[in-house]
Amino acid sequence: MATLTLGEIQHEVGSWGDETFPHSTPDSVLAHLKREVQELLDADPVNRQAECADVVMLLMHIAHKEGWSLERAVLMKLAINQSRSWGEPDEQGVVEHIREEAR
């Protein structure tokens, strides 16, 4: 199997999604994504890989339908996150960026 770029995978997933689910809209894909995220949250560690793949494919389908690159969006957001300051973990271990006060 040839190695594909993220953009090529997005195109494959998005094209397949459009062909298989011709009446899907960005909103219906988001509704499906919400269900899949809950399945991921409920999954045992053995099944997380498949559930993560479902979530990523739905994100790719949204990007495909709306005509933007998920790869570019991730790289842009990574650059923003890399420039941020980060706080301490909360009681669930979640670390969020420090929000600057509005001036």
PDB file of N, CA and C in Angstrom:
ATOM      1  N   MET A   1       0.853  -1.190   0.000  1.00  0.00           N
ATOM      2  CA  MET A   1       0.000   0.000   0.000  1.00  0.00           C
ATOM      3  C   MET A   1       0.891   1.243   0.000  1.00  0.00           C
ATOM      4  N   ALA A   2       0.605   2.158  -0.898  1.00  0.00           N
ATOM      5  CA  ALA A   2       1.378   3.395  -1.002  1.00  0.00           C
ATOM      6  C   ALA A   2       1.060   4.311   0.176  1.00  0.00           C
ATOM      7  N   THR A   3       2.049   5.094   0.568  1.00  0.00           N
ATOM      8  CA  THR A   3       1.851   6.070   1.616  1.00  0.00           C
ATOM      9  C   THR A   3       1.184   7.300   1.019  1.00  0.00           C
ATOM     10  N   LEU A   4       0.098   7.739   1.673  1.00  0.00           N
ATOM     11  CA  LEU A   4      -0.637   8.916   1.207  1.00  0.00           C
ATOM     12  C   LEU A   4      -0.382  10.084   2.147  1.00  0.00           C
ATOM     13  N   THR A   5      -0.485  11.277   1.614  1.00  0.00           N
ATOM     14  CA  THR A   5      -0.410  12.463   2.461  1.00  0.00           C
ATOM     15  C   THR A   5      -1.742  12.631   3.183  1.00  0.00           C
ATOM     16  N   LEU A   6      -1.747  13.458   4.195  1.00  0.00           N
ATOM     17  CA  LEU A   6      -2.993  13.737   4.905  1.00  0.00           C
ATOM     18  C   LEU A   6      -4.026  14.337   3.955  1.00  0.00           C
ATOM     19  N   GLY A   7      -3.595  15.208   3.068  1.00  0.00           N
ATOM     20  CA  GLY A   7      -4.499  15.804   2.090  1.00  0.00           C
ATOM     21  C   GLY A   7      -5.107  14.761   1.160  1.00  0.00           C
ATOM     22  N   GLU A   8      -4.297  13.809   0.740  1.00  0.00           N
ATOM     23  CA  GLU A   8      -4.799  12.734  -0.124  1.00  0.00           C
ATOM     24  C   GLU A   8      -5.795  11.846   0.627  1.00  0.00           C
ATOM     25  N   ILE A   9      -5.496  11.572   1.887  1.00  0.00           N
ATOM     26  CA  ILE A   9      -6.423  10.775   2.695  1.00  0.00           C
ATOM     27  C   ILE A   9      -7.724  11.540   2.883  1.00  0.00           C
ATOM     28  N   GLN A  10      -7.638  12.852   3.154  1.00  0.00           N
ATOM     29  CA  GLN A  10      -8.845  13.670   3.297  1.00  0.00           C
ATOM     30  C   GLN A  10      -9.677  13.584   2.028  1.00  0.00           C
ATOM     31  N   HIS A  11      -9.038  13.660   0.870  1.00  0.00           N
ATOM     32  CA  HIS A  11      -9.767  13.579  -0.395  1.00  0.00           C
ATOM     33  C   HIS A  11     -10.445  12.211  -0.534  1.00  0.00           C
ATOM     34  N   GLU A  12      -9.723  11.133  -0.218  1.00  0.00           N
ATOM     35  CA  GLU A  12     -10.292   9.783  -0.315  1.00  0.00           C
ATOM     36  C   GLU A  12     -11.485   9.628   0.626  1.00  0.00           C
ATOM     37  N   VAL A  13     -11.309  10.032   1.871  1.00  0.00           N
ATOM     38  CA  VAL A  13     -12.377   9.911   2.865  1.00  0.00           C
ATOM     39  C   VAL A  13     -13.564  10.789   2.471  1.00  0.00           C
ATOM     40  N   GLY A  14     -13.303  12.029   2.094  1.00  0.00           N
ATOM     41  CA  GLY A  14     -14.375  12.948   1.738  1.00  0.00           C
ATOM     42  C   GLY A  14     -15.139  12.496   0.508  1.00  0.00           C
ATOM     43  N   SER A  15     -14.424  12.027  -0.502  1.00  0.00           N
ATOM     44  CA  SER A  15     -15.084  11.542  -1.717  1.00  0.00           C
ATOM     45  C   SER A  15     -15.926  10.312  -1.416  1.00  0.00           C
ATOM     46  N   TRP A  16     -15.385   9.386  -0.642  1.00  0.00           N
ATOM     47  CA  TRP A  16     -16.138   8.199  -0.246  1.00  0.00           C
ATOM     48  C   TRP A  16     -17.376   8.600   0.560  1.00  0.00           C
ATOM     49  N   GLY A  17     -17.209   9.526   1.497  1.00  0.00           N
ATOM     50  CA  GLY A  17     -18.333   9.974   2.307  1.00  0.00           C
ATOM     51  C   GLY A  17     -19.423  10.619   1.476  1.00  0.00           C
ATOM     52  N   ASP A  18     -19.030  11.449   0.513  1.00  0.00           N
ATOM     53  CA  ASP A  18     -20.015  12.099  -0.347  1.00  0.00           C
ATOM     54  C   ASP A  18     -20.760  11.090  -1.214  1.00  0.00           C
ATOM     55  N   GLU A  19     -20.025  10.089  -1.709  1.00  0.00           N
ATOM     56  CA  GLU A  19     -20.651   9.064  -2.554  1.00  0.00           C
ATOM     57  C   GLU A  19     -21.557   8.144  -1.736  1.00  0.00           C
ATOM     58  N   THR A  20     -21.097   7.767  -0.555  1.00  0.00           N
ATOM     59  CA  THR A  20     -21.840   6.821   0.282  1.00  0.00           C
ATOM     60  C   THR A  20     -23.012   7.479   0.989  1.00  0.00           C
ATOM     61  N   PHE A  21     -22.848   8.746   1.352  1.00  0.00           N
ATOM     62  CA  PHE A  21     -23.877   9.487   2.085  1.00  0.00           C
ATOM     63  C   PHE A  21     -24.201  10.775   1.320  1.00  0.00           C
ATOM     64  N   PRO A  22     -24.847  10.660   0.175  1.00  0.00           N
ATOM     65  CA  PRO A  22     -25.025  11.825  -0.705  1.00  0.00           C
ATOM     66  C   PRO A  22     -25.870  12.941  -0.102  1.00  0.00           C
ATOM     67  N   HIS A  23     -26.662  12.644   0.893  1.00  0.00           N
ATOM     68  CA  HIS A  23     -27.510  13.684   1.489  1.00  0.00           C
ATOM     69  C   HIS A  23     -26.870  14.309   2.738  1.00  0.00           C
ATOM     70  N   SER A  24     -25.639  13.908   3.040  1.00  0.00           N
ATOM     71  CA  SER A  24     -24.988  14.463   4.229  1.00  0.00           C
ATOM     72  C   SER A  24     -24.672  15.937   4.025  1.00  0.00           C
ATOM     73  N   THR A  25     -24.695  16.652   5.127  1.00  0.00           N
ATOM     74  CA  THR A  25     -24.350  18.070   5.154  1.00  0.00           C
ATOM     75  C   THR A  25     -23.280  18.252   6.229  1.00  0.00           C
ATOM     76  N   PRO A  26     -22.606  19.385   6.256  1.00  0.00           N
ATOM     77  CA  PRO A  26     -21.676  19.605   7.367  1.00  0.00           C
ATOM     78  C   PRO A  26     -22.353  19.431   8.727  1.00  0.00           C
ATOM     79  N   ASP A  27     -23.599  19.892   8.858  1.00  0.00           N
ATOM     80  CA  ASP A  27     -24.295  19.745  10.139  1.00  0.00           C
ATOM     81  C   ASP A  27     -24.592  18.291  10.479  1.00  0.00           C
ATOM     82  N   SER A  28     -24.967  17.486   9.476  1.00  0.00           N
ATOM     83  CA  SER A  28     -25.235  16.074   9.769  1.00  0.00           C
ATOM     84  C   SER A  28     -23.946  15.336  10.107  1.00  0.00           C
ATOM     85  N   VAL A  29     -22.858  15.717   9.452  1.00  0.00           N
ATOM     86  CA  VAL A  29     -21.565  15.098   9.771  1.00  0.00           C
ATOM     87  C   VAL A  29     -21.155  15.483  11.196  1.00  0.00           C
ATOM     88  N   LEU A  30     -21.392  16.733  11.597  1.00  0.00           N
ATOM     89  CA  LEU A  30     -21.093  17.156  12.970  1.00  0.00           C
ATOM     90  C   LEU A  30     -21.938  16.395  13.992  1.00  0.00           C
ATOM     91  N   ALA A  31     -23.203  16.153  13.671  1.00  0.00           N
ATOM     92  CA  ALA A  31     -24.064  15.378  14.572  1.00  0.00           C
ATOM     93  C   ALA A  31     -23.526  13.955  14.716  1.00  0.00           C
ATOM     94  N   HIS A  32     -23.067  13.382  13.606  1.00  0.00           N
ATOM     95  CA  HIS A  32     -22.479  12.046  13.647  1.00  0.00           C
ATOM     96  C   HIS A  32     -21.181  12.074  14.459  1.00  0.00           C
ATOM     97  N   LEU A  33     -20.380  13.124  14.259  1.00  0.00           N
ATOM     98  CA  LEU A  33     -19.130  13.275  15.007  1.00  0.00           C
ATOM     99  C   LEU A  33     -19.394  13.285  16.506  1.00  0.00           C
ATOM    100  N   LYS A  34     -20.429  13.996  16.925  1.00  0.00           N
ATOM    101  CA  LYS A  34     -20.763  14.060  18.348  1.00  0.00           C
ATOM    102  C   LYS A  34     -21.029  12.665  18.899  1.00  0.00           C
ATOM    103  N   ARG A  35     -21.752  11.842  18.146  1.00  0.00           N
ATOM    104  CA  ARG A  35     -22.019  10.464  18.572  1.00  0.00           C
ATOM    105  C   ARG A  35     -20.743   9.644  18.644  1.00  0.00           C
ATOM    106  N   GLU A  36     -19.879   9.831  17.642  1.00  0.00           N
ATOM    107  CA  GLU A  36     -18.627   9.060  17.621  1.00  0.00           C
ATOM    108  C   GLU A  36     -17.690   9.471  18.750  1.00  0.00           C
ATOM    109  N   VAL A  37     -17.674  10.755  19.100  1.00  0.00           N
ATOM    110  CA  VAL A  37     -16.852  11.191  20.234  1.00  0.00           C
ATOM    111  C   VAL A  37     -17.345  10.521  21.514  1.00  0.00           C
ATOM    112  N   GLN A  38     -18.657  10.415  21.676  1.00  0.00           N
ATOM    113  CA  GLN A  38     -19.191   9.733  22.852  1.00  0.00           C
ATOM    114  C   GLN A  38     -18.800   8.255  22.843  1.00  0.00           C
ATOM    115  N   GLU A  39     -18.833   7.616  21.669  1.00  0.00           N
ATOM    116  CA  GLU A  39     -18.384   6.224  21.577  1.00  0.00           C
ATOM    117  C   GLU A  39     -16.910   6.107  21.963  1.00  0.00           C
ATOM    118  N   LEU A  40     -16.101   7.076  21.552  1.00  0.00           N
ATOM    119  CA  LEU A  40     -14.690   7.085  21.922  1.00  0.00           C
ATOM    120  C   LEU A  40     -14.537   7.228  23.433  1.00  0.00           C
ATOM    121  N   LEU A  41     -15.312   8.136  24.027  1.00  0.00           N
ATOM    122  CA  LEU A  41     -15.250   8.328  25.473  1.00  0.00           C
ATOM    123  C   LEU A  41     -15.651   7.062  26.230  1.00  0.00           C
ATOM    124  N   ASP A  42     -16.591   6.310  25.675  1.00  0.00           N
ATOM    125  CA  ASP A  42     -17.093   5.100  26.322  1.00  0.00           C
ATOM    126  C   ASP A  42     -16.267   3.858  26.008  1.00  0.00           C
ATOM    127  N   ALA A  43     -15.383   3.940  25.029  1.00  0.00           N
ATOM    128  CA  ALA A  43     -14.643   2.763  24.555  1.00  0.00           C
ATOM    129  C   ALA A  43     -13.596   2.314  25.565  1.00  0.00           C
ATOM    130  N   ASP A  44     -13.388   1.011  25.615  1.00  0.00           N
ATOM    131  CA  ASP A  44     -12.277   0.497  26.405  1.00  0.00           C
ATOM    132  C   ASP A  44     -10.999   0.706  25.593  1.00  0.00           C
ATOM    133  N   PRO A  45      -9.841   0.671  26.245  1.00  0.00           N
ATOM    134  CA  PRO A  45      -8.584   0.966  25.543  1.00  0.00           C
ATOM    135  C   PRO A  45      -8.346   0.127  24.283  1.00  0.00           C
ATOM    136  N   VAL A  46      -8.843  -1.092  24.247  1.00  0.00           N
ATOM    137  CA  VAL A  46      -8.645  -1.955  23.081  1.00  0.00           C
ATOM    138  C   VAL A  46      -9.357  -1.397  21.856  1.00  0.00           C
ATOM    139  N   ASN A  47     -10.484  -0.721  22.050  1.00  0.00           N
ATOM    140  CA  ASN A  47     -11.287  -0.219  20.932  1.00  0.00           C
ATOM    141  C   ASN A  47     -11.068   1.254  20.620  1.00  0.00           C
ATOM    142  N   ARG A  48     -10.201   1.919  21.343  1.00  0.00           N
ATOM    143  CA  ARG A  48      -9.995   3.354  21.113  1.00  0.00           C
ATOM    144  C   ARG A  48      -9.446   3.662  19.733  1.00  0.00           C
ATOM    145  N   GLN A  49      -8.592   2.790  19.227  1.00  0.00           N
ATOM    146  CA  GLN A  49      -7.987   3.055  17.924  1.00  0.00           C
ATOM    147  C   GLN A  49      -9.053   3.187  16.845  1.00  0.00           C
ATOM    148  N   ALA A  50      -9.990   2.259  16.779  1.00  0.00           N
ATOM    149  CA  ALA A  50     -11.043   2.301  15.770  1.00  0.00           C
ATOM    150  C   ALA A  50     -11.939   3.518  15.972  1.00  0.00           C
ATOM    151  N   GLU A  51     -12.245   3.851  17.218  1.00  0.00           N
ATOM    152  CA  GLU A  51     -13.103   5.010  17.489  1.00  0.00           C
ATOM    153  C   GLU A  51     -12.386   6.308  17.142  1.00  0.00           C
ATOM    154  N   CYS A  52     -11.085   6.390  17.410  1.00  0.00           N
ATOM    155  CA  CYS A  52     -10.310   7.573  17.009  1.00  0.00           C
ATOM    156  C   CYS A  52     -10.325   7.716  15.486  1.00  0.00           C
ATOM    157  N   ALA A  53     -10.198   6.602  14.779  1.00  0.00           N
ATOM    158  CA  ALA A  53     -10.226   6.652  13.319  1.00  0.00           C
ATOM    159  C   ALA A  53     -11.567   7.186  12.827  1.00  0.00           C
ATOM    160  N   ASP A  54     -12.673   6.739  13.449  1.00  0.00           N
ATOM    161  CA  ASP A  54     -13.993   7.255  13.061  1.00  0.00           C
ATOM    162  C   ASP A  54     -14.059   8.769  13.241  1.00  0.00           C
ATOM    163  N   VAL A  55     -13.541   9.257  14.365  1.00  0.00           N
ATOM    164  CA  VAL A  55     -13.567  10.700  14.644  1.00  0.00           C
ATOM    165  C   VAL A  55     -12.744  11.459  13.599  1.00  0.00           C
ATOM    166  N   VAL A  56     -11.559  10.970  13.296  1.00  0.00           N
ATOM    167  CA  VAL A  56     -10.699  11.646  12.321  1.00  0.00           C
ATOM    168  C   VAL A  56     -11.342  11.645  10.934  1.00  0.00           C
ATOM    169  N   MET A  57     -11.938  10.519  10.554  1.00  0.00           N
ATOM    170  CA  MET A  57     -12.572  10.466   9.231  1.00  0.00           C
ATOM    171  C   MET A  57     -13.745  11.439   9.137  1.00  0.00           C
ATOM    172  N   LEU A  58     -14.504  11.591  10.205  1.00  0.00           N
ATOM    173  CA  LEU A  58     -15.604  12.554  10.178  1.00  0.00           C
ATOM    174  C   LEU A  58     -15.069  13.985  10.104  1.00  0.00           C
ATOM    175  N   LEU A  59     -13.976  14.280  10.794  1.00  0.00           N
ATOM    176  CA  LEU A  59     -13.357  15.604  10.675  1.00  0.00           C
ATOM    177  C   LEU A  59     -12.890  15.848   9.243  1.00  0.00           C
ATOM    178  N   MET A  60     -12.327  14.826   8.627  1.00  0.00           N
ATOM    179  CA  MET A  60     -11.893  14.951   7.232  1.00  0.00           C
ATOM    180  C   MET A  60     -13.083  15.171   6.304  1.00  0.00           C
ATOM    181  N   HIS A  61     -14.195  14.497   6.588  1.00  0.00           N
ATOM    182  CA  HIS A  61     -15.371  14.652   5.734  1.00  0.00           C
ATOM    183  C   HIS A  61     -15.922  16.075   5.825  1.00  0.00           C
ATOM    184  N   ILE A  62     -15.949  16.640   7.033  1.00  0.00           N
ATOM    185  CA  ILE A  62     -16.392  18.031   7.181  1.00  0.00           C
ATOM    186  C   ILE A  62     -15.484  18.961   6.379  1.00  0.00           C
ATOM    187  N   ALA A  63     -14.185  18.806   6.548  1.00  0.00           N
ATOM    188  CA  ALA A  63     -13.242  19.663   5.827  1.00  0.00           C
ATOM    189  C   ALA A  63     -13.427  19.522   4.320  1.00  0.00           C
ATOM    190  N   HIS A  64     -13.606  18.311   3.852  1.00  0.00           N
ATOM    191  CA  HIS A  64     -13.821  18.061   2.422  1.00  0.00           C
ATOM    192  C   HIS A  64     -15.088  18.765   1.949  1.00  0.00           C
ATOM    193  N   LYS A  65     -16.170  18.607   2.688  1.00  0.00           N
ATOM    194  CA  LYS A  65     -17.448  19.208   2.299  1.00  0.00           C
ATOM    195  C   LYS A  65     -17.362  20.729   2.274  1.00  0.00           C
ATOM    196  N   GLU A  66     -16.597  21.307   3.203  1.00  0.00           N
ATOM    197  CA  GLU A  66     -16.503  22.766   3.286  1.00  0.00           C
ATOM    198  C   GLU A  66     -15.349  23.337   2.471  1.00  0.00           C
ATOM    199  N   GLY A  67     -14.523  22.466   1.888  1.00  0.00           N
ATOM    200  CA  GLY A  67     -13.485  22.911   0.974  1.00  0.00           C
ATOM    201  C   GLY A  67     -12.233  23.480   1.608  1.00  0.00           C
ATOM    202  N   TRP A  68     -11.893  23.004   2.798  1.00  0.00           N
ATOM    203  CA  TRP A  68     -10.654  23.461   3.410  1.00  0.00           C
ATOM    204  C   TRP A  68      -9.788  22.273   3.802  1.00  0.00           C
ATOM    205  N   SER A  69      -8.526  22.533   4.031  1.00  0.00           N
ATOM    206  CA  SER A  69      -7.549  21.496   4.339  1.00  0.00           C
ATOM    207  C   SER A  69      -7.449  21.295   5.854  1.00  0.00           C
ATOM    208  N   LEU A  70      -7.770  20.101   6.294  1.00  0.00           N
ATOM    209  CA  LEU A  70      -7.617  19.776   7.715  1.00  0.00           C
ATOM    210  C   LEU A  70      -6.136  19.852   8.111  1.00  0.00           C
ATOM    211  N   GLU A  71      -5.265  19.428   7.216  1.00  0.00           N
ATOM    212  CA  GLU A  71      -3.829  19.497   7.485  1.00  0.00           C
ATOM    213  C   GLU A  71      -3.391  20.938   7.744  1.00  0.00           C
ATOM    214  N   ARG A  72      -3.797  21.868   6.888  1.00  0.00           N
ATOM    215  CA  ARG A  72      -3.430  23.272   7.074  1.00  0.00           C
ATOM    216  C   ARG A  72      -4.028  23.833   8.355  1.00  0.00           C
ATOM    217  N   ALA A  73      -5.276  23.463   8.635  1.00  0.00           N
ATOM    218  CA  ALA A  73      -5.938  23.951   9.849  1.00  0.00           C
ATOM    219  C   ALA A  73      -5.198  23.464  11.094  1.00  0.00           C
ATOM    220  N   VAL A  74      -4.772  22.202  11.088  1.00  0.00           N
ATOM    221  CA  VAL A  74      -4.044  21.660  12.241  1.00  0.00           C
ATOM    222  C   VAL A  74      -2.699  22.357  12.397  1.00  0.00           C
ATOM    223  N   LEU A  75      -2.000  22.564  11.307  1.00  0.00           N
ATOM    224  CA  LEU A  75      -0.695  23.238  11.384  1.00  0.00           C
ATOM    225  C   LEU A  75      -0.834  24.671  11.864  1.00  0.00           C
ATOM    226  N   MET A  76      -1.877  25.372  11.403  1.00  0.00           N
ATOM    227  CA  MET A  76      -2.104  26.747  11.857  1.00  0.00           C
ATOM    228  C   MET A  76      -2.420  26.772  13.355  1.00  0.00           C
ATOM    229  N   LYS A  77      -3.260  25.859  13.809  1.00  0.00           N
ATOM    230  CA  LYS A  77      -3.628  25.821  15.225  1.00  0.00           C
ATOM    231  C   LYS A  77      -2.449  25.378  16.081  1.00  0.00           C
ATOM    232  N   LEU A  78      -1.622  24.467  15.570  1.00  0.00           N
ATOM    233  CA  LEU A  78      -0.424  24.058  16.301  1.00  0.00           C
ATOM    234  C   LEU A  78       0.494  25.250  16.537  1.00  0.00           C
ATOM    235  N   ALA A  79       0.681  26.083  15.517  1.00  0.00           N
ATOM    236  CA  ALA A  79       1.529  27.275  15.665  1.00  0.00           C
ATOM    237  C   ALA A  79       0.971  28.203  16.734  1.00  0.00           C
ATOM    238  N   ILE A  80      -0.347  28.373  16.764  1.00  0.00           N
ATOM    239  CA  ILE A  80      -0.977  29.203  17.799  1.00  0.00           C
ATOM    240  C   ILE A  80      -0.731  28.587  19.173  1.00  0.00           C
ATOM    241  N   ASN A  81      -0.971  27.282  19.295  1.00  0.00           N
ATOM    242  CA  ASN A  81      -0.795  26.625  20.593  1.00  0.00           C
ATOM    243  C   ASN A  81       0.650  26.658  21.073  1.00  0.00           C
ATOM    244  N   GLN A  82       1.578  26.565  20.139  1.00  0.00           N
ATOM    245  CA  GLN A  82       2.990  26.607  20.517  1.00  0.00           C
ATOM    246  C   GLN A  82       3.391  27.968  21.063  1.00  0.00           C
ATOM    247  N   SER A  83       2.664  29.015  20.721  1.00  0.00           N
ATOM    248  CA  SER A  83       2.997  30.357  21.196  1.00  0.00           C
ATOM    249  C   SER A  83       2.291  30.702  22.507  1.00  0.00           C
ATOM    250  N   ARG A  84       1.423  29.838  22.975  1.00  0.00           N
ATOM    251  CA  ARG A  84       0.648  30.116  24.177  1.00  0.00           C
ATOM    252  C   ARG A  84       1.379  29.675  25.444  1.00  0.00           C
ATOM    253  N   SER A  85       0.942  30.242  26.555  1.00  0.00           N
ATOM    254  CA  SER A  85       1.379  29.783  27.876  1.00  0.00           C
ATOM    255  C   SER A  85       0.304  28.832  28.392  1.00  0.00           C
ATOM    256  N   TRP A  86       0.738  27.842  29.131  1.00  0.00           N
ATOM    257  CA  TRP A  86      -0.173  26.793  29.585  1.00  0.00           C
ATOM    258  C   TRP A  86      -0.204  26.735  31.100  1.00  0.00           C
ATOM    259  N   GLY A  87      -1.389  26.483  31.645  1.00  0.00           N
ATOM    260  CA  GLY A  87      -1.585  26.444  33.086  1.00  0.00           C
ATOM    261  C   GLY A  87      -1.254  25.093  33.680  1.00  0.00           C
ATOM    262  N   GLU A  88      -1.743  24.894  34.872  1.00  0.00           N
ATOM    263  CA  GLU A  88      -1.549  23.640  35.595  1.00  0.00           C
ATOM    264  C   GLU A  88      -2.713  22.700  35.304  1.00  0.00           C
ATOM    265  N   PRO A  89      -2.490  21.394  35.436  1.00  0.00           N
ATOM    266  CA  PRO A  89      -3.582  20.444  35.220  1.00  0.00           C
ATOM    267  C   PRO A  89      -4.707  20.646  36.239  1.00  0.00           C
ATOM    268  N   ASP A  90      -5.956  20.472  35.769  1.00  0.00           N
ATOM    269  CA  ASP A  90      -7.084  20.519  36.692  1.00  0.00           C
ATOM    270  C   ASP A  90      -7.270  19.143  37.333  1.00  0.00           C
ATOM    271  N   GLU A  91      -8.375  18.957  38.052  1.00  0.00           N
ATOM    272  CA  GLU A  91      -8.598  17.697  38.766  1.00  0.00           C
ATOM    273  C   GLU A  91      -8.733  16.494  37.831  1.00  0.00           C
ATOM    274  N   GLN A  92      -9.004  16.739  36.549  1.00  0.00           N
ATOM    275  CA  GLN A  92      -9.084  15.644  35.580  1.00  0.00           C
ATOM    276  C   GLN A  92      -7.788  15.494  34.774  1.00  0.00           C
ATOM    277  N   GLY A  93      -6.792  16.308  35.090  1.00  0.00           N
ATOM    278  CA  GLY A  93      -5.528  16.248  34.383  1.00  0.00           C
ATOM    279  C   GLY A  93      -5.498  17.078  33.110  1.00  0.00           C
ATOM    280  N   VAL A  94      -6.535  17.869  32.885  1.00  0.00           N
ATOM    281  CA  VAL A  94      -6.622  18.689  31.672  1.00  0.00           C
ATOM    282  C   VAL A  94      -5.853  19.990  31.881  1.00  0.00           C
ATOM    283  N   VAL A  95      -5.009  20.323  30.916  1.00  0.00           N
ATOM    284  CA  VAL A  95      -4.242  21.575  30.951  1.00  0.00           C
ATOM    285  C   VAL A  95      -4.776  22.476  29.835  1.00  0.00           C
ATOM    286  N   GLU A  96      -5.169  23.698  30.179  1.00  0.00           N
ATOM    287  CA  GLU A  96      -5.643  24.650  29.184  1.00  0.00           C
ATOM    288  C   GLU A  96      -4.674  25.818  29.110  1.00  0.00           C
ATOM    289  N   HIS A  97      -4.755  26.526  27.989  1.00  0.00           N
ATOM    290  CA  HIS A  97      -3.888  27.697  27.840  1.00  0.00           C
ATOM    291  C   HIS A  97      -4.388  28.800  28.771  1.00  0.00           C
ATOM    292  N   ILE A  98      -3.468  29.661  29.153  1.00  0.00           N
ATOM    293  CA  ILE A  98      -3.800  30.784  30.024  1.00  0.00           C
ATOM    294  C   ILE A  98      -4.419  31.872  29.163  1.00  0.00           C
ATOM    295  N   ARG A  99      -5.623  32.229  29.506  1.00  0.00           N
ATOM    296  CA  ARG A  99      -6.346  33.249  28.748  1.00  0.00           C
ATOM    297  C   ARG A  99      -5.960  34.628  29.264  1.00  0.00           C
ATOM    298  N   GLU A 100      -5.553  35.484  28.341  1.00  0.00           N
ATOM    299  CA  GLU A 100      -5.203  36.843  28.725  1.00  0.00           C
ATOM    300  C   GLU A 100      -6.488  37.630  28.937  1.00  0.00           C
ATOM    301  N   GLU A 101      -6.448  38.537  29.894  1.00  0.00           N
ATOM    302  CA  GLU A 101      -7.612  39.379  30.147  1.00  0.00           C
ATOM    303  C   GLU A 101      -7.821  40.329  28.971  1.00  0.00           C
ATOM    304  N   ALA A 102      -9.097  40.559  28.668  1.00  0.00           N
ATOM    305  CA  ALA A 102      -9.429  41.517  27.593  1.00  0.00           C
ATOM    306  C   ALA A 102      -8.983  42.899  28.022  1.00  0.00           C
ATOM    307  N   ARG A 103      -8.386  43.613  27.099  1.00  0.00           N
ATOM    308  CA  ARG A 103      -7.873  44.942  27.447  1.00  0.00           C
ATOM    309  C   ARG A 103      -8.741  46.010  26.908  1.00  0.00           C
TER     310      ARG A 103
END
